[in-house]
Protein backbone atom coordinates (compact mmCIF):
# COMPACT_ATOMS: atom_id res chain seq x y z
CA MET A 1 -19.84 -30.31 11.04
CA ASN A 2 -16.61 -30.72 13.01
CA TYR A 3 -14.50 -27.93 14.47
CA LEU A 4 -10.78 -28.65 14.07
CA ALA A 5 -8.16 -26.59 15.92
CA PRO A 6 -4.65 -27.91 15.21
CA THR A 7 -1.63 -26.51 17.03
CA THR A 8 0.98 -27.25 14.33
CA ILE A 9 1.18 -26.68 10.59
CA ALA A 10 1.78 -30.40 10.06
CA GLU A 11 -1.44 -31.26 11.89
CA ALA A 12 -3.36 -28.69 9.86
CA LEU A 13 -2.01 -30.12 6.61
CA ASP A 14 -3.04 -33.62 7.68
CA HIS A 15 -6.61 -32.38 8.11
CA LEU A 16 -6.47 -30.71 4.69
CA ASP A 17 -5.41 -33.98 3.08
CA ARG A 18 -8.01 -36.14 4.81
CA ARG A 19 -11.13 -33.98 4.92
CA ASP A 20 -13.23 -31.51 2.99
CA VAL A 21 -12.64 -28.49 5.21
CA ALA A 22 -13.07 -24.74 5.17
CA ILE A 23 -10.07 -22.85 6.53
CA VAL A 24 -10.87 -20.05 8.97
CA ALA A 25 -8.76 -17.69 11.06
CA GLY A 26 -10.40 -14.35 11.85
CA GLY A 27 -13.58 -15.44 10.08
CA THR A 28 -14.43 -11.83 9.18
CA ASP A 29 -15.14 -12.79 5.55
CA PHE A 30 -16.17 -16.39 6.08
CA TYR A 31 -19.04 -15.95 8.54
CA PRO A 32 -20.81 -13.02 6.82
CA ALA A 33 -20.81 -15.03 3.58
CA MET A 34 -22.20 -18.16 5.24
CA LYS A 35 -25.51 -19.40 3.89
CA GLU A 36 -28.52 -20.11 6.06
CA GLY A 37 -28.16 -23.36 7.98
CA GLY A 38 -24.50 -22.92 8.93
CA PRO A 39 -21.29 -24.28 7.39
CA SER A 40 -21.57 -27.26 5.09
CA ARG A 41 -18.00 -28.44 5.71
CA ASP A 42 -15.75 -29.03 8.69
CA LEU A 43 -14.01 -25.88 9.95
CA LEU A 44 -10.23 -25.83 10.20
CA ASP A 45 -9.24 -23.05 12.60
CA LEU A 46 -5.57 -22.01 12.21
CA THR A 47 -5.39 -19.50 15.04
CA ARG A 48 -3.77 -21.85 17.59
CA ILE A 49 -0.72 -22.51 15.42
CA GLU A 50 2.18 -20.49 16.83
CA ASP A 51 4.27 -20.78 13.65
CA LEU A 52 1.61 -18.81 11.75
CA LYS A 53 1.70 -15.85 14.13
CA GLY A 54 3.72 -12.67 14.47
CA ILE A 55 6.14 -10.41 12.63
CA SER A 56 9.86 -11.13 12.60
CA ARG A 57 13.05 -9.87 10.96
CA THR A 58 14.79 -12.28 8.61
CA PRO A 59 18.18 -12.13 6.85
CA ALA A 60 16.37 -11.15 3.64
CA GLY A 61 13.75 -8.81 5.11
CA TRP A 62 10.59 -9.46 7.10
CA ARG A 63 8.26 -12.37 7.73
CA ILE A 64 4.61 -11.82 8.64
CA GLY A 65 2.84 -14.96 9.83
CA ALA A 66 -0.37 -15.83 8.02
CA THR A 67 -2.65 -15.35 11.04
CA THR A 68 -1.13 -12.03 12.12
CA ARG A 69 -3.97 -9.60 12.88
CA TRP A 70 -4.30 -6.19 11.28
CA SER A 71 -4.18 -4.51 14.69
CA GLU A 72 -0.86 -6.26 15.36
CA ILE A 73 0.57 -4.83 12.14
CA VAL A 74 -0.54 -1.34 13.18
CA ALA A 75 1.04 -1.71 16.63
CA GLU A 76 4.35 -3.23 15.49
CA PRO A 77 7.34 -0.80 15.30
CA LEU A 78 8.27 -1.19 11.64
CA PRO A 79 10.38 0.86 9.18
CA THR A 80 8.78 3.64 7.13
CA MET A 81 8.52 1.30 4.12
CA PHE A 82 5.57 -0.28 5.96
CA ASP A 83 3.62 2.96 6.46
CA GLY A 84 1.33 2.22 3.50
CA LEU A 85 0.51 -1.23 4.85
CA LYS A 86 -0.17 0.21 8.29
CA ALA A 87 -2.46 2.85 6.81
CA ALA A 88 -4.36 0.14 4.93
CA ALA A 89 -4.60 -1.94 8.11
CA ARG A 90 -6.40 0.96 9.79
CA GLU A 91 -8.96 0.91 6.97
CA VAL A 92 -9.89 -2.77 7.32
CA GLY A 93 -13.35 -2.37 8.85
CA SER A 94 -13.85 -1.50 12.49
CA ILE A 95 -11.40 -1.96 15.36
CA GLN A 96 -13.17 -5.24 16.13
CA ILE A 97 -12.53 -6.45 12.57
CA GLN A 98 -8.90 -5.35 12.74
CA ASN A 99 -8.51 -7.32 15.98
CA SER A 100 -9.82 -10.49 14.29
CA GLY A 101 -9.02 -10.25 10.59
CA THR A 102 -5.71 -11.70 9.38
CA ILE A 103 -3.33 -10.65 6.65
CA ALA A 104 -3.46 -14.02 4.85
CA GLY A 105 -7.24 -14.08 5.07
CA ASN A 106 -7.34 -10.75 3.24
CA LEU A 107 -5.24 -12.24 0.45
CA CYS A 108 -6.99 -15.61 0.25
CA ASN A 109 -10.41 -13.96 0.10
CA ALA A 110 -9.14 -12.43 -3.16
CA SER A 111 -11.56 -9.54 -3.26
CA PRO A 112 -10.76 -6.82 -5.83
CA ALA A 113 -11.29 -4.34 -2.96
CA ALA A 114 -9.01 -6.07 -0.41
CA ASP A 115 -7.25 -3.19 1.36
CA GLY A 116 -4.05 -5.10 2.08
CA VAL A 117 -3.20 -6.07 -1.48
CA PRO A 118 -2.04 -2.77 -3.05
CA PRO A 119 0.47 -1.89 -0.30
CA LEU A 120 1.82 -5.44 -0.28
CA LEU A 121 2.27 -5.27 -4.06
CA THR A 122 4.34 -2.10 -3.66
CA LEU A 123 6.51 -3.96 -1.13
CA ASN A 124 7.18 -6.80 -3.60
CA ALA A 125 5.55 -9.24 -1.19
CA MET A 126 6.01 -12.98 -1.59
CA VAL A 127 3.49 -15.55 -0.39
CA GLU A 128 4.75 -18.64 1.44
CA ILE A 129 2.57 -21.69 0.78
CA SER A 130 2.83 -24.90 2.79
CA ALA A 131 1.80 -28.42 1.84
CA ARG A 132 2.75 -31.90 3.02
CA SER A 133 5.15 -32.12 0.08
CA GLY A 134 7.02 -28.99 1.20
CA THR A 135 6.95 -25.21 1.01
CA ARG A 136 6.91 -22.97 -2.02
CA THR A 137 7.01 -19.19 -2.36
CA ILE A 138 5.41 -17.15 -5.13
CA ALA A 139 5.02 -13.44 -5.80
CA LEU A 140 1.79 -11.90 -4.55
CA SER A 141 1.22 -10.66 -8.09
CA ASP A 142 0.96 -14.32 -9.15
CA PHE A 143 -0.94 -15.54 -6.09
CA ILE A 144 -4.26 -13.77 -6.67
CA THR A 145 -5.43 -14.94 -10.09
CA GLY A 146 -8.92 -13.43 -10.29
CA VAL A 147 -12.01 -12.45 -8.33
CA ARG A 148 -12.13 -14.86 -5.35
CA LYS A 149 -9.44 -16.99 -7.04
CA THR A 150 -5.90 -17.79 -5.89
CA ALA A 151 -3.02 -20.05 -6.88
CA LEU A 152 -3.57 -22.33 -3.87
CA ALA A 153 -3.79 -25.98 -4.87
CA PRO A 154 -5.72 -28.65 -2.91
CA GLY A 155 -3.92 -29.49 0.32
CA GLU A 156 -2.12 -26.14 0.53
CA LEU A 157 -2.41 -23.22 2.94
CA VAL A 158 -0.71 -19.84 3.22
CA SER A 159 1.80 -19.88 6.06
CA ALA A 160 3.47 -16.46 5.79
CA ILE A 161 4.05 -13.29 3.81
CA HIS A 162 7.66 -12.31 3.09
CA ILE A 163 8.74 -8.72 2.48
CA PRO A 164 12.24 -8.07 1.11
CA ALA A 165 14.36 -5.43 2.81
CA LEU A 166 14.34 -1.98 1.18
CA PRO A 167 16.64 1.02 1.74
CA GLU A 168 16.04 3.10 4.86
CA SER A 169 15.11 6.02 2.61
CA THR A 170 11.96 4.20 1.50
CA PHE A 171 8.61 5.73 2.39
CA ALA A 172 5.06 4.62 1.68
CA ALA A 173 1.47 5.83 1.75
CA PHE A 174 -2.06 4.58 1.12
CA GLU A 175 -5.11 6.48 -0.14
CA LYS A 176 -8.65 5.09 -0.17
CA LEU A 177 -11.91 6.54 -1.47
CA GLY A 178 -15.26 5.24 -0.28
CA SER A 179 -18.82 6.52 -0.11
CA ARG A 180 -18.08 7.64 3.47
CA ARG A 181 -14.97 8.12 5.59
CA TYR A 182 -15.04 4.92 7.68
CA LEU A 183 -16.23 1.29 7.52
CA VAL A 184 -16.68 1.20 3.78
CA ILE A 185 -15.68 -0.90 0.78
CA SER A 186 -13.37 1.00 -1.57
CA ILE A 187 -14.49 2.75 -4.71
CA ALA A 188 -10.79 3.00 -5.50
CA MET A 189 -7.53 2.81 -3.54
CA VAL A 190 -3.86 3.42 -4.24
CA ALA A 191 -0.64 2.46 -2.48
CA ALA A 192 2.70 4.07 -3.25
CA CYS A 193 6.23 3.22 -2.13
CA VAL A 194 9.07 5.61 -2.92
CA THR A 195 12.82 5.36 -2.31
CA LEU A 196 14.53 8.75 -2.32
CA GLY A 197 18.13 9.56 -3.15
CA LYS A 198 20.24 12.67 -2.72
CA GLY A 199 18.51 15.91 -3.59
CA ASP A 200 15.09 14.30 -3.21
CA VAL A 201 15.47 12.35 -6.44
CA ILE A 202 13.13 9.39 -6.85
CA GLU A 203 15.40 6.36 -7.08
CA THR A 204 12.67 3.71 -7.19
CA VAL A 205 8.89 3.93 -7.07
CA ARG A 206 6.05 1.43 -7.02
CA VAL A 207 2.36 2.28 -7.37
CA ALA A 208 -0.52 -0.21 -7.07
CA VAL A 209 -4.25 0.35 -7.60
CA GLY A 210 -7.07 -1.69 -6.05
CA ALA A 211 -10.83 -1.89 -6.68
CA CYS A 212 -10.33 -0.85 -10.31
CA SER A 213 -9.67 -4.29 -11.83
CA PRO A 214 -10.49 -7.91 -10.99
CA VAL A 215 -7.04 -8.04 -9.36
CA ALA A 216 -5.07 -5.11 -7.89
CA ARG A 217 -2.44 -3.92 -10.36
CA ARG A 218 0.87 -2.08 -10.40
CA LEU A 219 1.30 0.84 -12.83
CA PRO A 220 4.68 0.16 -14.49
CA ALA A 221 4.37 2.95 -17.10
CA LEU A 222 3.94 5.55 -14.36
CA GLU A 223 6.71 4.01 -12.26
CA ASP A 224 9.17 4.07 -15.17
CA GLU A 225 8.34 7.69 -15.98
CA LEU A 226 8.86 8.89 -12.41
CA LYS A 227 12.13 7.07 -11.75
CA GLY A 228 15.00 9.55 -11.64
CA SER A 229 12.73 12.59 -11.31
CA SER A 230 12.66 15.17 -8.54
CA VAL A 231 9.86 14.84 -5.99
CA GLN A 232 8.68 18.26 -7.18
CA ILE A 233 7.11 16.56 -10.20
CA LEU A 234 4.55 14.97 -7.88
CA LYS A 235 2.94 18.36 -7.27
CA ASN A 236 1.76 18.47 -10.89
CA PRO A 237 -2.06 18.02 -10.84
CA GLU A 238 -1.85 16.43 -14.30
CA LEU A 239 0.84 13.95 -13.25
CA VAL A 240 -1.18 10.79 -13.94
CA THR A 241 -2.67 10.42 -17.41
CA ALA A 242 -5.06 7.99 -19.07
CA THR A 243 -2.06 6.27 -20.66
CA HIS A 244 -0.67 5.38 -17.23
CA LEU A 245 -4.01 3.75 -16.31
CA GLU A 246 -4.57 1.69 -19.45
CA SER A 247 -3.97 -1.60 -17.63
CA LEU A 248 -6.93 -1.02 -15.30
CA ASN A 249 -10.34 -2.52 -16.02
CA PRO A 250 -12.87 -0.95 -13.64
CA ILE A 251 -16.54 -1.88 -13.54
CA ASP A 252 -19.79 -0.02 -12.95
CA ASP A 253 -21.41 -0.96 -9.63
CA VAL A 254 -23.45 0.57 -6.82
CA ARG A 255 -20.37 2.32 -5.41
CA GLY A 256 -19.33 4.12 -8.60
CA SER A 257 -19.07 3.97 -12.37
CA ALA A 258 -16.02 2.78 -14.27
CA THR A 259 -15.52 6.29 -15.63
CA TYR A 260 -15.60 7.80 -12.16
CA ARG A 261 -13.10 5.27 -10.85
CA VAL A 262 -10.59 6.12 -13.58
CA GLU A 263 -10.99 9.83 -12.88
CA VAL A 264 -10.50 9.57 -9.13
CA VAL A 265 -7.71 7.01 -9.20
CA ALA A 266 -5.46 9.45 -11.06
CA GLU A 267 -5.77 11.91 -8.18
CA LEU A 268 -5.38 9.16 -5.58
CA CYS A 269 -2.12 8.11 -7.25
CA ARG A 270 -0.78 11.65 -7.08
CA ARG A 271 -1.83 12.05 -3.44
CA ALA A 272 -0.29 8.74 -2.37
CA LEU A 273 2.98 9.46 -4.17
CA LEU A 274 3.17 12.97 -2.78
CA ALA A 275 2.37 11.79 0.76
CA ALA A 276 5.13 9.17 0.65
CA ALA A 277 7.72 11.48 -0.90
CA THR A 278 6.86 14.40 1.37
CA GLU A 279 7.38 12.22 4.43
CA GLY A 280 10.78 11.29 3.07
CA SER A 281 11.73 14.87 2.25
CA ARG A 282 10.66 15.97 5.74
CA ASP A 283 13.09 13.48 7.29
CA GLU A 284 16.11 14.78 5.34
């Protein structure tokens, strides 16, 4: 086994083309899943590549480098539209995990319970993918294709996440339910992103649910119903119905039954939406 630590994206892509390698950055998913005897392939460590690091403003919005740590996202002064992502970042394991784990690693691991995916879906995130032939960008909703499956082709790596700019009156929240308060895999989780207009009218809204399907999903029926409504509607305890959740496909596992997940996710949706909208109303 060889340890490879390139300092440029081009050098990393050369290694991808020439070798059978396992890409690592934080390693917070890779090493716990390693089988006895150690890695069977060469390790390609991306953490020394400066072009994969950091958060920056772009003409179209924001760019988050692939190896940006969760703790860096929490610490970065970002607009309120990122509050849901920051809240999710605080839920990614312990502080030690947040200091090591990377945003792209969370996506590439493609776990149904990946905390970062729902808030990024509500931000209309795009995934930048680099290869020797060039760079392409696809929607996050198309990037994760199944459990532990992504749209990455051989010779490709994720180089950044792009977030389009949203109005200043956009607010976001994240709600997670686990078997205990901290350091737990989700039973269900919900991210909400709300843009408010005059009179606390909901101009746009996006809601995404994780850990209730093989891939985290938006809830377009609920979004369409809420658009144009007053934020007061979010106080209705019966706001989210079974019809709104028809696209979900939860499973029974040791953390909870499919029936339980559907029941709790309705309340998590309401809480996330109300938290985001209330923050916006408070700022008026």
